[in-house]
N, C-alpha and C. Protein backbone atom coordinates (compact mmCIF):
# COMPACT_ATOMS: atom_id res chain seq x y z
N MET A 1 154.84 128.32 56.80
CA MET A 1 154.69 129.52 57.14
C MET A 1 154.68 130.28 55.99
N SER A 2 153.49 130.90 55.78
CA SER A 2 153.93 132.13 54.49
C SER A 2 154.10 133.46 55.10
N THR A 3 153.02 133.66 55.86
CA THR A 3 152.84 135.17 56.57
C THR A 3 152.57 134.96 57.80
N LEU A 4 153.26 135.51 58.85
CA LEU A 4 152.25 135.78 60.12
C LEU A 4 152.39 137.16 60.40
N ASN A 5 151.16 137.73 60.84
CA ASN A 5 150.72 138.91 61.35
C ASN A 5 150.62 138.89 62.65
N ILE A 6 151.47 139.59 63.61
CA ILE A 6 151.26 139.77 64.82
C ILE A 6 151.04 141.29 65.58
N LEU A 7 150.18 141.37 66.27
CA LEU A 7 150.05 143.06 66.87
C LEU A 7 149.91 142.73 68.28
N TYR A 8 151.01 143.46 69.13
CA TYR A 8 151.08 143.68 70.17
C TYR A 8 150.28 145.12 70.90
N ALA A 9 149.56 145.07 71.93
CA ALA A 9 148.98 146.58 72.13
C ALA A 9 149.03 146.21 73.42
N GLY A 10 149.04 147.67 74.19
CA GLY A 10 149.04 147.78 75.51
C GLY A 10 149.12 149.20 75.96
N PHE A 11 149.91 149.56 76.93
CA PHE A 11 149.98 150.87 77.28
C PHE A 11 151.68 151.16 77.49
N GLY A 12 152.11 152.49 77.42
CA GLY A 12 153.67 152.72 77.59
C GLY A 12 153.86 151.97 78.55
N GLY A 13 155.05 151.44 78.84
CA GLY A 13 155.78 151.19 80.23
C GLY A 13 155.52 149.16 80.38
N GLN A 14 154.68 148.79 79.23
CA GLN A 14 154.77 147.38 79.53
C GLN A 14 155.47 146.64 78.89
N GLY A 15 156.14 147.10 78.14
CA GLY A 15 157.43 146.35 77.26
C GLY A 15 156.99 145.67 75.91
N ILE A 16 155.62 146.38 75.61
CA ILE A 16 155.11 145.99 74.12
C ILE A 16 156.15 145.89 73.13
N LEU A 17 156.89 147.12 73.19
CA LEU A 17 157.95 147.13 71.55
C LEU A 17 159.31 145.90 72.01
N PHE A 18 159.84 145.75 73.11
CA PHE A 18 160.56 144.84 73.40
C PHE A 18 159.87 143.85 72.93
N SER A 19 158.92 143.12 73.38
CA SER A 19 158.21 141.87 73.02
C SER A 19 158.01 141.77 71.70
N GLY A 20 157.81 142.54 71.08
CA GLY A 20 157.73 142.71 69.62
C GLY A 20 158.97 142.46 68.90
N LYS A 21 160.02 143.39 69.49
CA LYS A 21 161.47 142.97 68.81
C LYS A 21 162.06 142.00 69.22
N PHE A 22 161.74 141.21 70.23
CA PHE A 22 161.79 139.69 70.50
C PHE A 22 161.54 138.90 69.43
N VAL A 23 159.88 138.49 69.27
CA VAL A 23 159.34 138.01 68.42
C VAL A 23 160.44 138.37 66.99
N ALA A 24 160.35 139.33 66.38
CA ALA A 24 160.63 140.04 65.47
C ALA A 24 162.32 139.29 65.15
N TYR A 25 162.99 139.48 66.05
CA TYR A 25 164.59 139.14 65.90
C TYR A 25 164.42 137.58 65.99
N ASP A 26 163.36 136.83 66.54
CA ASP A 26 163.41 135.01 66.43
C ASP A 26 163.08 134.94 65.19
N GLY A 27 162.54 135.69 64.30
CA GLY A 27 162.17 135.45 63.00
C GLY A 27 163.45 135.77 62.20
N LEU A 28 164.10 136.60 62.43
CA LEU A 28 165.36 137.09 61.58
C LEU A 28 166.39 135.88 61.73
N ILE A 29 166.45 135.41 62.94
CA ILE A 29 167.39 134.34 63.12
C ILE A 29 167.23 133.21 62.47
N ALA A 30 165.79 132.91 62.39
CA ALA A 30 165.24 131.58 61.77
C ALA A 30 165.23 131.73 60.26
N GLY A 31 166.04 132.72 59.95
CA GLY A 31 165.86 133.52 58.30
C GLY A 31 164.63 133.61 57.65
N LYS A 32 163.99 134.13 57.89
CA LYS A 32 162.37 134.92 57.65
C LYS A 32 162.66 136.35 57.22
N GLN A 33 161.65 136.76 56.04
CA GLN A 33 161.87 138.31 56.16
C GLN A 33 160.87 138.85 57.19
N VAL A 34 161.39 140.00 57.76
CA VAL A 34 160.67 140.29 59.07
C VAL A 34 160.77 141.62 59.00
N SER A 35 159.59 142.21 59.71
CA SER A 35 159.09 143.58 59.82
C SER A 35 158.84 143.84 61.38
N TRP A 36 159.38 144.93 61.81
CA TRP A 36 158.84 145.28 63.39
C TRP A 36 158.44 146.84 63.23
N LEU A 37 157.40 147.14 63.38
CA LEU A 37 157.07 148.66 63.40
C LEU A 37 156.51 148.91 64.91
N PRO A 38 157.17 149.83 65.60
CA PRO A 38 156.76 150.10 67.03
C PRO A 38 155.96 151.51 66.65
N SER A 39 154.79 151.61 67.58
CA SER A 39 153.85 152.81 67.23
C SER A 39 153.57 153.00 68.86
N TYR A 40 153.76 154.54 69.30
CA TYR A 40 153.24 154.68 70.42
C TYR A 40 152.83 156.32 70.70
N GLY A 41 151.90 156.29 71.81
CA GLY A 41 151.18 157.83 71.77
C GLY A 41 152.63 158.73 72.34
N PRO A 42 152.31 160.23 72.22
CA PRO A 42 153.39 161.13 72.63
C PRO A 42 153.36 160.85 74.24
N GLU A 43 152.79 160.31 74.96
CA GLU A 43 153.01 160.55 76.42
C GLU A 43 153.65 159.40 76.94
N MET A 44 154.11 158.40 75.84
CA MET A 44 155.09 157.34 76.14
C MET A 44 154.07 156.58 77.43
N ARG A 45 155.20 156.49 78.58
CA ARG A 45 154.51 155.60 79.59
C ARG A 45 153.21 156.06 80.13
N GLY A 46 152.39 154.76 80.05
CA GLY A 46 151.12 155.12 80.21
C GLY A 46 150.38 155.72 79.04
N GLY A 47 150.87 155.87 77.90
CA GLY A 47 149.70 156.07 76.72
C GLY A 47 149.91 154.92 75.73
N THR A 48 149.27 154.85 74.69
CA THR A 48 149.31 153.81 74.46
C THR A 48 150.30 153.44 73.39
N ALA A 49 150.32 152.15 73.27
CA ALA A 49 151.68 151.61 72.46
C ALA A 49 151.07 150.19 71.83
N ASN A 50 151.58 149.83 70.66
CA ASN A 50 151.46 148.70 69.76
C ASN A 50 152.54 148.35 69.02
N CYS A 51 152.66 147.45 68.67
CA CYS A 51 154.06 146.94 67.68
C CYS A 51 153.50 146.00 66.76
N SER A 52 153.52 146.23 65.36
CA SER A 52 153.26 145.29 64.23
C SER A 52 154.60 144.16 64.09
N VAL A 53 154.36 143.23 64.26
CA VAL A 53 155.39 142.41 63.91
C VAL A 53 155.05 141.36 62.76
N ILE A 54 155.73 141.36 61.31
CA ILE A 54 155.36 140.27 60.32
C ILE A 54 156.38 139.48 60.10
N ILE A 55 156.52 138.32 60.20
CA ILE A 55 157.17 137.31 59.83
C ILE A 55 156.78 136.71 58.50
N SER A 56 157.87 136.43 57.55
CA SER A 56 157.32 135.89 56.16
C SER A 56 158.55 135.02 55.59
N ASP A 57 157.91 134.12 54.98
CA ASP A 57 158.69 133.67 53.61
C ASP A 57 159.15 134.31 52.60
N ASP A 58 158.08 135.38 52.22
CA ASP A 58 158.09 136.04 51.18
C ASP A 58 158.75 137.81 51.44
N PRO A 59 159.23 138.29 50.74
CA PRO A 59 159.41 139.78 50.99
C PRO A 59 158.07 140.51 51.67
N ILE A 60 158.00 141.46 52.24
CA ILE A 60 156.79 142.03 53.16
C ILE A 60 156.88 143.37 52.40
N GLY A 61 155.51 143.53 51.87
CA GLY A 61 155.15 144.66 51.16
C GLY A 61 154.76 146.18 52.21
N SER A 62 154.17 145.93 53.14
CA SER A 62 153.87 146.93 54.09
C SER A 62 154.16 146.43 55.71
N PRO A 63 154.79 147.18 56.57
CA PRO A 63 154.95 147.10 57.59
C PRO A 63 153.96 147.12 58.57
N ILE A 64 152.77 147.37 58.06
CA ILE A 64 151.41 147.68 58.76
C ILE A 64 150.66 146.52 58.92
N VAL A 65 150.11 145.99 60.39
CA VAL A 65 149.40 144.83 60.77
C VAL A 65 147.88 145.47 60.92
N GLU A 66 147.32 145.32 59.76
CA GLU A 66 145.67 145.65 59.95
C GLU A 66 144.86 144.23 60.18
N LYS A 67 145.31 143.26 59.88
CA LYS A 67 144.55 142.32 60.11
C LYS A 67 145.43 141.05 60.77
N PRO A 68 145.70 141.29 62.11
CA PRO A 68 146.38 140.39 62.74
C PRO A 68 145.90 139.02 62.64
N ASP A 69 146.87 138.26 62.54
CA ASP A 69 146.81 136.41 63.16
C ASP A 69 146.96 135.97 64.55
N VAL A 70 147.68 137.13 64.95
CA VAL A 70 147.77 136.72 66.58
C VAL A 70 147.72 138.39 67.04
N LEU A 71 147.05 138.45 68.30
CA LEU A 71 147.13 139.63 68.84
C LEU A 71 147.12 139.43 70.43
N VAL A 72 148.09 139.91 70.92
CA VAL A 72 148.28 140.24 72.31
C VAL A 72 147.88 141.43 72.89
N ALA A 73 147.19 141.38 73.77
CA ALA A 73 146.12 142.47 74.36
C ALA A 73 146.43 142.69 75.85
N MET A 74 147.43 143.85 76.29
CA MET A 74 148.16 143.75 77.49
C MET A 74 147.20 144.89 78.44
N ASN A 75 145.99 145.24 78.08
CA ASN A 75 145.09 146.23 78.70
C ASN A 75 143.75 146.10 77.91
N GLY A 76 142.55 146.46 78.62
CA GLY A 76 141.28 146.72 78.11
C GLY A 76 141.31 147.48 76.97
N PRO A 77 141.53 148.50 76.83
CA PRO A 77 141.34 149.27 75.38
C PRO A 77 142.29 148.92 74.43
N SER A 78 142.78 148.02 74.59
CA SER A 78 143.57 147.49 73.40
C SER A 78 142.70 145.95 72.74
N LEU A 79 142.50 145.66 73.68
CA LEU A 79 141.54 144.39 73.48
C LEU A 79 140.06 145.11 73.04
N ASP A 80 139.62 146.07 73.09
CA ASP A 80 138.30 146.75 72.93
C ASP A 80 138.52 147.25 71.26
N LYS A 81 139.83 147.80 71.11
CA LYS A 81 140.07 148.48 69.69
C LYS A 81 140.38 147.32 68.63
N TYR A 82 140.86 146.41 69.24
CA TYR A 82 141.50 145.43 67.78
C TYR A 82 141.08 143.69 68.00
N GLU A 83 140.18 143.55 68.96
CA GLU A 83 139.62 142.12 69.06
C GLU A 83 139.06 141.98 67.44
N ASN A 84 137.94 142.90 67.11
CA ASN A 84 137.20 142.79 65.58
C ASN A 84 138.41 142.63 64.55
N GLU A 85 139.48 142.97 64.82
CA GLU A 85 140.41 142.97 63.75
C GLU A 85 141.02 141.59 63.43
N VAL A 86 140.87 140.97 64.27
CA VAL A 86 141.89 139.33 64.39
C VAL A 86 140.95 138.78 63.13
N VAL A 87 141.82 138.23 62.10
CA VAL A 87 141.28 137.19 61.47
C VAL A 87 140.54 136.18 62.10
N SER A 88 139.49 135.80 61.26
CA SER A 88 138.87 134.28 61.72
C SER A 88 139.63 133.29 61.87
N GLY A 89 139.91 132.47 62.67
CA GLY A 89 141.19 131.54 62.85
C GLY A 89 142.13 132.04 63.57
N GLY A 90 142.31 133.29 64.06
CA GLY A 90 143.63 133.97 64.33
C GLY A 90 143.52 133.40 66.06
N LYS A 91 144.23 133.79 66.60
CA LYS A 91 144.63 133.73 68.36
C LYS A 91 144.32 135.03 69.06
N ILE A 92 144.08 135.03 70.13
CA ILE A 92 143.97 136.16 70.96
C ILE A 92 144.78 136.09 72.36
N PHE A 93 145.42 136.53 72.79
CA PHE A 93 146.07 136.25 73.68
C PHE A 93 145.96 137.92 74.98
N VAL A 94 145.41 137.33 76.03
CA VAL A 94 144.66 138.59 76.77
C VAL A 94 145.64 138.28 78.34
N ASP A 95 145.94 139.36 78.58
CA ASP A 95 146.45 139.50 80.22
C ASP A 95 145.47 139.27 81.02
N SER A 96 144.62 138.33 81.41
CA SER A 96 143.93 138.48 82.22
C SER A 96 143.74 138.93 83.81
N ALA A 97 145.00 139.44 84.08
CA ALA A 97 145.11 140.47 85.42
C ALA A 97 144.94 141.70 84.93
N LEU A 98 144.75 142.13 83.90
CA LEU A 98 144.47 143.53 83.76
C LEU A 98 143.09 143.48 82.92
N ILE A 99 142.35 142.51 81.97
CA ILE A 99 141.46 142.65 81.42
C ILE A 99 140.13 141.74 81.82
N GLU A 100 139.25 142.25 82.34
CA GLU A 100 138.43 141.54 83.05
C GLU A 100 137.27 140.83 82.22
N ARG A 101 137.03 141.36 81.18
CA ARG A 101 136.03 140.97 80.36
C ARG A 101 136.84 139.86 79.32
N LYS A 102 135.79 139.24 78.76
CA LYS A 102 135.93 138.05 78.25
C LYS A 102 135.91 138.32 76.46
N VAL A 103 136.60 137.54 75.70
CA VAL A 103 136.49 137.82 74.19
C VAL A 103 134.99 137.46 73.72
N GLU A 104 134.50 138.50 72.91
CA GLU A 104 133.15 138.09 72.62
C GLU A 104 133.24 137.27 71.35
N ARG A 105 134.24 137.14 70.68
CA ARG A 105 134.50 136.20 69.36
C ARG A 105 134.18 134.72 69.62
N THR A 106 133.67 134.01 68.61
CA THR A 106 133.83 132.60 69.13
C THR A 106 134.62 131.88 67.79
N ASP A 107 134.87 133.09 66.78
CA ASP A 107 135.93 132.16 65.54
C ASP A 107 137.19 132.48 65.65
N VAL A 108 137.73 132.74 66.90
CA VAL A 108 139.20 132.68 67.31
C VAL A 108 139.65 132.02 68.59
N ASP A 109 140.73 131.36 68.85
CA ASP A 109 141.08 130.95 69.83
C ASP A 109 141.87 131.83 70.75
N VAL A 110 141.80 131.89 72.02
CA VAL A 110 141.63 132.56 73.28
C VAL A 110 142.30 132.24 74.19
N TYR A 111 143.52 132.79 74.68
CA TYR A 111 144.42 132.21 75.99
C TYR A 111 144.29 133.30 76.61
N TYR A 112 143.75 132.95 78.08
CA TYR A 112 143.66 133.84 78.98
C TYR A 112 145.06 133.76 80.03
N ILE A 113 146.07 134.94 80.34
CA ILE A 113 147.05 134.46 80.92
C ILE A 113 147.05 135.80 82.08
N PRO A 114 147.13 135.56 83.43
CA PRO A 114 147.33 136.42 84.32
C PRO A 114 148.74 136.88 83.95
N SER A 115 149.49 137.45 83.28
CA SER A 115 150.81 137.53 83.33
C SER A 115 151.18 138.61 84.08
N THR A 116 150.36 139.55 84.50
CA THR A 116 150.80 140.89 85.26
C THR A 116 150.60 140.17 86.82
N LYS A 117 149.77 139.34 86.85
CA LYS A 117 149.77 138.68 88.09
C LYS A 117 151.14 137.74 88.64
N ILE A 118 151.11 136.73 87.91
CA ILE A 118 152.21 136.11 87.51
C ILE A 118 154.08 136.69 87.85
N ALA A 119 153.62 137.76 86.96
CA ALA A 119 155.09 138.69 87.12
C ALA A 119 155.52 139.32 88.54
N ASN A 120 154.42 139.85 89.11
CA ASN A 120 154.51 140.67 90.25
C ASN A 120 154.40 139.18 91.53
N GLU A 121 153.77 138.20 91.47
CA GLU A 121 154.52 137.27 92.16
C GLU A 121 155.66 136.64 92.16
N LYS A 122 156.64 136.40 91.11
CA LYS A 122 157.66 136.26 90.96
C LYS A 122 158.67 137.25 91.20
N GLY A 123 158.18 138.73 91.34
CA GLY A 123 159.17 139.71 91.64
C GLY A 123 159.55 140.22 90.42
N ILE A 124 159.04 139.88 89.56
CA ILE A 124 159.48 140.50 88.00
C ILE A 124 158.51 141.20 87.68
N PRO A 125 157.72 142.34 88.16
CA PRO A 125 156.63 143.32 87.52
C PRO A 125 156.73 143.78 86.37
N THR A 126 158.21 143.77 85.92
CA THR A 126 157.90 144.75 84.49
C THR A 126 158.01 143.48 83.64
N LEU A 127 157.98 142.48 83.71
CA LEU A 127 158.40 141.58 82.53
C LEU A 127 157.00 140.91 82.54
N ALA A 128 155.70 141.16 82.70
CA ALA A 128 154.48 140.40 82.17
C ALA A 128 154.61 140.43 80.76
N ASN A 129 155.08 141.48 79.89
CA ASN A 129 155.06 140.85 78.55
C ASN A 129 155.60 139.81 77.78
N MET A 130 157.00 139.38 79.04
CA MET A 130 157.69 138.44 78.40
C MET A 130 157.29 136.85 78.71
N ILE A 131 156.23 136.82 79.86
CA ILE A 131 155.40 135.90 80.02
C ILE A 131 154.49 135.44 79.25
N ILE A 132 153.72 136.47 78.68
CA ILE A 132 152.56 136.64 78.02
C ILE A 132 153.19 135.82 76.59
N THR A 133 154.25 136.64 75.95
CA THR A 133 154.96 136.33 74.82
C THR A 133 155.50 134.65 75.08
N GLY A 134 155.75 134.27 75.92
CA GLY A 134 156.12 132.70 76.26
C GLY A 134 155.07 131.81 75.86
N LYS A 135 153.64 132.20 76.28
CA LYS A 135 152.67 131.58 76.27
C LYS A 135 152.22 131.58 74.57
N MET A 136 152.46 132.85 74.09
CA MET A 136 152.20 132.84 72.60
C MET A 136 153.25 131.80 71.80
N ILE A 137 154.19 132.04 72.01
CA ILE A 137 155.44 131.35 71.59
C ILE A 137 155.02 129.70 71.36
N LYS A 138 154.54 129.35 72.82
CA LYS A 138 154.11 127.67 73.12
C LYS A 138 152.82 127.49 71.64
N GLU A 139 151.93 128.32 71.69
CA GLU A 139 150.77 128.48 71.02
C GLU A 139 150.34 128.51 69.65
N VAL A 140 151.67 129.10 69.25
CA VAL A 140 151.93 129.69 67.34
C VAL A 140 152.45 128.68 67.05
N PRO A 141 152.32 127.90 66.19
CA PRO A 141 153.11 127.09 65.76
C PRO A 141 154.38 127.33 64.75
N GLU A 142 154.13 128.75 64.24
CA GLU A 142 155.00 129.29 63.52
C GLU A 142 156.27 129.89 64.26
N LEU A 143 156.12 129.90 65.54
CA LEU A 143 157.12 130.55 66.23
C LEU A 143 157.99 129.24 67.24
N SER A 144 158.94 129.70 67.62
CA SER A 144 159.59 128.50 68.36
C SER A 144 160.53 129.21 69.41
N ILE A 145 160.36 128.36 70.86
CA ILE A 145 161.39 128.93 71.74
C ILE A 145 162.75 128.48 71.71
N ASP A 146 163.23 127.68 70.46
CA ASP A 146 164.66 127.07 70.41
C ASP A 146 165.64 128.15 70.47
N ASN A 147 165.36 129.17 69.88
CA ASN A 147 166.46 130.60 69.76
C ASN A 147 166.32 131.62 71.09
N MET A 148 165.67 131.19 71.96
CA MET A 148 165.28 132.24 72.80
C MET A 148 166.67 132.87 73.62
N ASP A 149 167.62 132.02 74.02
CA ASP A 149 168.88 132.42 74.52
C ASP A 149 169.55 133.32 73.44
N THR A 150 169.63 132.84 72.36
CA THR A 150 170.39 133.93 71.36
C THR A 150 169.73 135.04 70.95
N VAL A 151 168.28 134.92 70.95
CA VAL A 151 167.60 136.46 70.56
C VAL A 151 167.93 137.24 71.90
N LEU A 152 167.64 136.91 72.95
CA LEU A 152 167.72 137.67 74.41
C LEU A 152 169.15 138.11 74.32
N SER A 153 169.95 137.16 74.19
CA SER A 153 171.52 137.80 74.24
C SER A 153 171.51 139.08 73.12
N LYS A 154 170.76 139.24 72.32
CA LYS A 154 171.03 140.24 71.14
C LYS A 154 170.22 141.54 71.62
N ILE A 155 169.19 141.29 71.85
CA ILE A 155 168.33 142.33 72.27
C ILE A 155 168.17 142.96 73.62
N VAL A 156 168.76 142.44 74.81
CA VAL A 156 168.85 142.78 76.03
C VAL A 156 170.47 143.83 75.89
N SER A 157 169.96 145.28 76.22
CA SER A 157 170.98 145.81 75.88
C SER A 157 172.29 145.46 77.03
N ALA A 158 173.63 146.09 76.73
CA ALA A 158 174.74 145.87 77.35
C ALA A 158 174.53 146.49 79.05
N ARG A 159 173.81 147.63 79.15
CA ARG A 159 173.59 147.92 80.39
C ARG A 159 172.83 147.25 81.30
N HIS A 160 171.94 146.40 80.57
CA HIS A 160 171.03 145.55 81.39
C HIS A 160 171.01 144.07 81.26
N GLN A 161 172.33 143.46 81.14
CA GLN A 161 172.64 142.10 81.24
C GLN A 161 172.10 141.45 82.37
N ASP A 162 172.04 141.91 83.65
CA ASP A 162 171.57 141.66 84.69
C ASP A 162 169.97 141.00 84.74
N LEU A 163 169.40 141.40 83.36
CA LEU A 163 168.17 141.40 83.26
C LEU A 163 168.09 139.94 82.32
N LEU A 164 169.00 139.59 81.73
CA LEU A 164 169.27 138.40 80.69
C LEU A 164 168.23 136.93 81.27
N GLU A 165 168.94 136.84 82.41
CA GLU A 165 168.65 135.52 83.00
C GLU A 165 166.90 135.35 83.51
N VAL A 166 166.30 136.67 84.11
CA VAL A 166 165.05 136.89 84.57
C VAL A 166 164.12 136.99 83.11
N ASN A 167 164.60 137.65 82.15
CA ASN A 167 163.65 137.47 80.82
C ASN A 167 163.83 135.89 80.36
N LYS A 168 164.92 135.25 80.41
CA LYS A 168 164.66 133.89 80.10
C LYS A 168 163.56 133.44 81.05
N ASP A 169 163.61 133.21 82.43
CA ASP A 169 162.69 132.84 83.00
C ASP A 169 161.10 133.32 82.68
N ALA A 170 161.05 134.45 82.61
CA ALA A 170 159.68 134.90 82.40
C ALA A 170 159.11 134.35 80.79
N VAL A 171 159.63 134.18 79.94
CA VAL A 171 159.75 133.72 78.89
C VAL A 171 159.21 132.17 78.97
N ARG A 172 159.71 131.62 79.73
CA ARG A 172 159.78 130.05 80.29
C ARG A 172 158.70 129.78 81.40
N THR A 173 158.37 130.81 81.62
CA THR A 173 157.00 130.73 82.76
C THR A 173 155.94 130.69 81.96
N GLY A 174 155.85 131.68 80.85
CA GLY A 174 154.89 131.71 80.11
C GLY A 174 154.66 130.54 79.51
N TYR A 175 155.83 130.04 78.56
CA TYR A 175 155.68 128.76 77.93
C TYR A 175 154.92 127.58 78.57
N ASP A 176 155.42 127.82 79.97
CA ASP A 176 154.93 126.29 80.62
C ASP A 176 153.57 126.62 81.41
N TYR A 177 153.01 127.84 80.92
CA TYR A 177 151.41 128.18 81.88
C TYR A 177 150.61 127.26 81.14
N GLU A 178 149.90 126.72 82.05
CA GLU A 178 148.82 125.70 81.25
C GLU A 178 147.56 126.80 81.55
C-alpha cells in the first residue's frame, strides 16, 4: 500500500462517521499514517454526512479525499454526487437496499450489498454501516479484519459497551456476504 483514499457518504444517523473512524483506527493499529475527516450538514440526522479516510505508508499532506479509491455510498444522493469522482480501477460499495439505480461506470468494481435490509432482518437496524464496512474490508486488500476486536474495543464508547458484540457481528456479516 502506498496510499488508500476512502470516502464514506450518506445521511446523518447512518453511522458514516463511526464507520470511517473504525477503518482509520484499524490503519493506526497497523502502524500506518492516518487521516480521518468527518463532514456533515448543519441538520445532522437526516442531513448529508461524509467522511474522508486516508491510510498511507507516507505522511499525509491533506486530509481531504477528492478522488477516492473506495467509495461507500449509503444513499442515492451520495452515489449521484461521488460516483464520477472515484478513480478508474477503484471500488464502489452501494447499499442496494436504499439505492435502486446501478452504477453507470464500467471502469470500477462495484459491490451491491443490501446492508440496511440485512441489518433490519438481524434486528440491528442502526448497524447497516458496519455491515457494508465488513464487505469493504473483505474486498479491499489493503484492509484487514484481523484487528476488528481491538479496534471496536477502542472506538465503542464506555456507555455503549453493550453494542460491542453486535458491532462485531455486523462487520462479520458483511465480511461473509456473497
